Amino acid sequence: MVPKAETLAVYVSCSRDAPAVTLSDGQVVSAPLVWFPRLADASERERSDWELIGGGIGIHWEAIDEDIPVASLLRPENFMRLPDKVSRRATRRKRG
């Protein structure tokens, strides 16, 4: 079996609502800008000043010290933390 190549970022654009990342396989993925508070608070100029890191495994914005791994866009459930309030409700349901 041949191992699957890692999907890498090749280009990034960022609207007022979401970053859009073009991947090496042609997909374009995005996520709500509110998931990335530093990026949400950044100016349009700061959002447009990105660089690929690790050969495309992630995107870095130097001016705001923000890094977004491609994996977090492809599988956000593995990277996003639920607010404490939601986590406590889920824990209570499991016990009850």
C-alpha atoms as a PDB file:
ATOM      1  CA  MET A   1       0.000   0.000   0.000  1.00  0.00           C
ATOM      2  CA  VAL A   2       1.330   3.430  -0.967  1.00  0.00           C
ATOM      3  CA  PRO A   3       1.006   6.040   1.806  1.00  0.00           C
ATOM      4  CA  LYS A   4      -1.277   8.965   0.981  1.00  0.00           C
ATOM      5  CA  ALA A   5       0.563  12.230   0.433  1.00  0.00           C
ATOM      6  CA  GLU A   6      -0.196  14.996   2.902  1.00  0.00           C
ATOM      7  CA  THR A   7      -2.482  17.734   1.620  1.00  0.00           C
ATOM      8  CA  LEU A   8      -0.656  21.064   1.700  1.00  0.00           C
ATOM      9  CA  ALA A   9      -1.705  24.687   1.450  1.00  0.00           C
ATOM     10  CA  VAL A  10      -0.627  26.508  -1.700  1.00  0.00           C
ATOM     11  CA  TYR A  11      -2.531  29.816  -1.440  1.00  0.00           C
ATOM     12  CA  VAL A  12      -4.533  31.791   1.135  1.00  0.00           C
ATOM     13  CA  SER A  13      -7.074  34.559   0.852  1.00  0.00           C
ATOM     14  CA  CYS A  14      -8.988  36.084   3.707  1.00  0.00           C
ATOM     15  CA  SER A  15     -12.333  37.865   3.505  1.00  0.00           C
ATOM     16  CA  ARG A  16     -14.027  39.715   6.348  1.00  0.00           C
ATOM     17  CA  ASP A  17     -15.762  36.458   7.279  1.00  0.00           C
ATOM     18  CA  ALA A  18     -13.387  33.577   6.612  1.00  0.00           C
ATOM     19  CA  PRO A  19      -9.903  32.554   5.536  1.00  0.00           C
ATOM     20  CA  ALA A  20      -9.974  30.429   2.357  1.00  0.00           C
ATOM     21  CA  VAL A  21      -7.077  28.052   1.812  1.00  0.00           C
ATOM     22  CA  THR A  22      -6.380  26.486  -1.571  1.00  0.00           C
ATOM     23  CA  LEU A  23      -4.843  23.051  -1.140  1.00  0.00           C
ATOM     24  CA  SER A  24      -2.417  21.101  -3.290  1.00  0.00           C
ATOM     25  CA  ASP A  25      -5.199  18.714  -4.344  1.00  0.00           C
ATOM     26  CA  GLY A  26      -7.337  21.596  -5.653  1.00  0.00           C
ATOM     27  CA  GLN A  27      -9.759  21.789  -2.729  1.00  0.00           C
ATOM     28  CA  VAL A  28     -10.548  25.146  -1.172  1.00  0.00           C
ATOM     29  CA  VAL A  29     -11.325  24.972   2.543  1.00  0.00           C
ATOM     30  CA  SER A  30     -12.409  27.717   4.864  1.00  0.00           C
ATOM     31  CA  ALA A  31     -13.606  28.211   8.410  1.00  0.00           C
ATOM     32  CA  PRO A  32     -15.409  31.024  10.194  1.00  0.00           C
ATOM     33  CA  LEU A  33     -13.061  33.863  11.038  1.00  0.00           C
ATOM     34  CA  VAL A  34     -14.423  33.869  14.615  1.00  0.00           C
ATOM     35  CA  TRP A  35     -12.569  30.575  15.166  1.00  0.00           C
ATOM     36  CA  PHE A  36      -9.330  32.573  14.934  1.00  0.00           C
ATOM     37  CA  PRO A  37      -9.649  35.637  17.226  1.00  0.00           C
ATOM     38  CA  ARG A  38      -6.259  37.147  16.339  1.00  0.00           C
ATOM     39  CA  LEU A  39      -7.028  36.899  12.656  1.00  0.00           C
ATOM     40  CA  ALA A  40     -10.539  38.283  13.205  1.00  0.00           C
ATOM     41  CA  ASP A  41      -9.094  41.317  15.021  1.00  0.00           C
ATOM     42  CA  ALA A  42      -6.394  41.901  12.390  1.00  0.00           C
ATOM     43  CA  SER A  43      -6.544  44.567   9.731  1.00  0.00           C
ATOM     44  CA  GLU A  44      -7.117  43.641   6.092  1.00  0.00           C
ATOM     45  CA  ARG A  45      -3.452  44.364   5.431  1.00  0.00           C
ATOM     46  CA  GLU A  46      -2.323  42.094   8.284  1.00  0.00           C
ATOM     47  CA  ARG A  47      -4.607  39.288   7.046  1.00  0.00           C
ATOM     48  CA  SER A  48      -3.121  39.517   3.564  1.00  0.00           C
ATOM     49  CA  ASP A  49       0.462  39.234   4.893  1.00  0.00           C
ATOM     50  CA  TRP A  50       0.696  35.444   5.307  1.00  0.00           C
ATOM     51  CA  GLU A  51       3.351  32.842   4.590  1.00  0.00           C
ATOM     52  CA  LEU A  52       3.269  29.085   4.244  1.00  0.00           C
ATOM     53  CA  ILE A  53       5.113  27.167   6.927  1.00  0.00           C
ATOM     54  CA  GLY A  54       6.497  23.657   6.874  1.00  0.00           C
ATOM     55  CA  GLY A  55       6.234  23.440   3.107  1.00  0.00           C
ATOM     56  CA  GLY A  56       2.492  24.153   3.306  1.00  0.00           C
ATOM     57  CA  ILE A  57       1.410  22.194   6.366  1.00  0.00           C
ATOM     58  CA  GLY A  58       0.286  25.495   7.858  1.00  0.00           C
ATOM     59  CA  ILE A  59      -0.126  29.230   7.398  1.00  0.00           C
ATOM     60  CA  HIS A  60       1.594  31.898   9.507  1.00  0.00           C
ATOM     61  CA  TRP A  61       0.749  35.579   9.989  1.00  0.00           C
ATOM     62  CA  GLU A  62       3.867  37.220  11.440  1.00  0.00           C
ATOM     63  CA  ALA A  63       2.332  40.574  12.458  1.00  0.00           C
ATOM     64  CA  ILE A  64      -0.330  38.947  14.631  1.00  0.00           C
ATOM     65  CA  ASP A  65       1.605  35.790  15.622  1.00  0.00           C
ATOM     66  CA  GLU A  66      -1.068  33.427  14.293  1.00  0.00           C
ATOM     67  CA  ASP A  67      -0.526  29.934  12.911  1.00  0.00           C
ATOM     68  CA  ILE A  68      -3.241  27.754  11.381  1.00  0.00           C
ATOM     69  CA  PRO A  69      -2.380  24.155  10.537  1.00  0.00           C
ATOM     70  CA  VAL A  70      -4.064  22.780   7.400  1.00  0.00           C
ATOM     71  CA  ALA A  71      -5.089  19.745   9.457  1.00  0.00           C
ATOM     72  CA  SER A  72      -7.208  21.977  11.711  1.00  0.00           C
ATOM     73  CA  LEU A  73      -9.174  23.175   8.686  1.00  0.00           C
ATOM     74  CA  LEU A  74      -9.679  19.648   7.382  1.00  0.00           C
ATOM     75  CA  ARG A  75     -10.609  18.138  10.774  1.00  0.00           C
ATOM     76  CA  PRO A  76     -11.684  21.014  13.058  1.00  0.00           C
ATOM     77  CA  GLU A  77     -13.300  18.649  15.572  1.00  0.00           C
ATOM     78  CA  ASN A  78      -9.808  17.407  16.455  1.00  0.00           C
ATOM     79  CA  PHE A  79      -8.458  20.911  17.077  1.00  0.00           C
ATOM     80  CA  MET A  80     -11.265  23.152  18.367  1.00  0.00           C
ATOM     81  CA  ARG A  81     -12.061  23.318  22.080  1.00  0.00           C
ATOM     82  CA  LEU A  82     -15.668  23.587  23.152  1.00  0.00           C
ATOM     83  CA  PRO A  83     -16.508  26.368  25.590  1.00  0.00           C
ATOM     84  CA  ASP A  84     -16.456  25.188  29.230  1.00  0.00           C
ATOM     85  CA  LYS A  85     -20.213  25.687  29.547  1.00  0.00           C
ATOM     86  CA  VAL A  86     -20.905  23.244  26.701  1.00  0.00           C
ATOM     87  CA  SER A  87     -18.335  20.739  28.004  1.00  0.00           C
ATOM     88  CA  ARG A  88     -19.912  20.728  31.486  1.00  0.00           C
ATOM     89  CA  ARG A  89     -23.403  20.086  30.055  1.00  0.00           C
ATOM     90  CA  ALA A  90     -22.095  17.142  28.029  1.00  0.00           C
ATOM     91  CA  THR A  91     -20.328  15.712  31.094  1.00  0.00           C
ATOM     92  CA  ARG A  92     -23.507  16.000  33.197  1.00  0.00           C
ATOM     93  CA  ARG A  93     -25.535  14.178  30.524  1.00  0.00           C
ATOM     94  CA  LYS A  94     -23.045  11.288  30.512  1.00  0.00           C
ATOM     95  CA  ARG A  95     -23.308  10.880  34.293  1.00  0.00           C
ATOM     96  CA  GLY A  96     -27.106  11.176  34.458  1.00  0.00           C
END
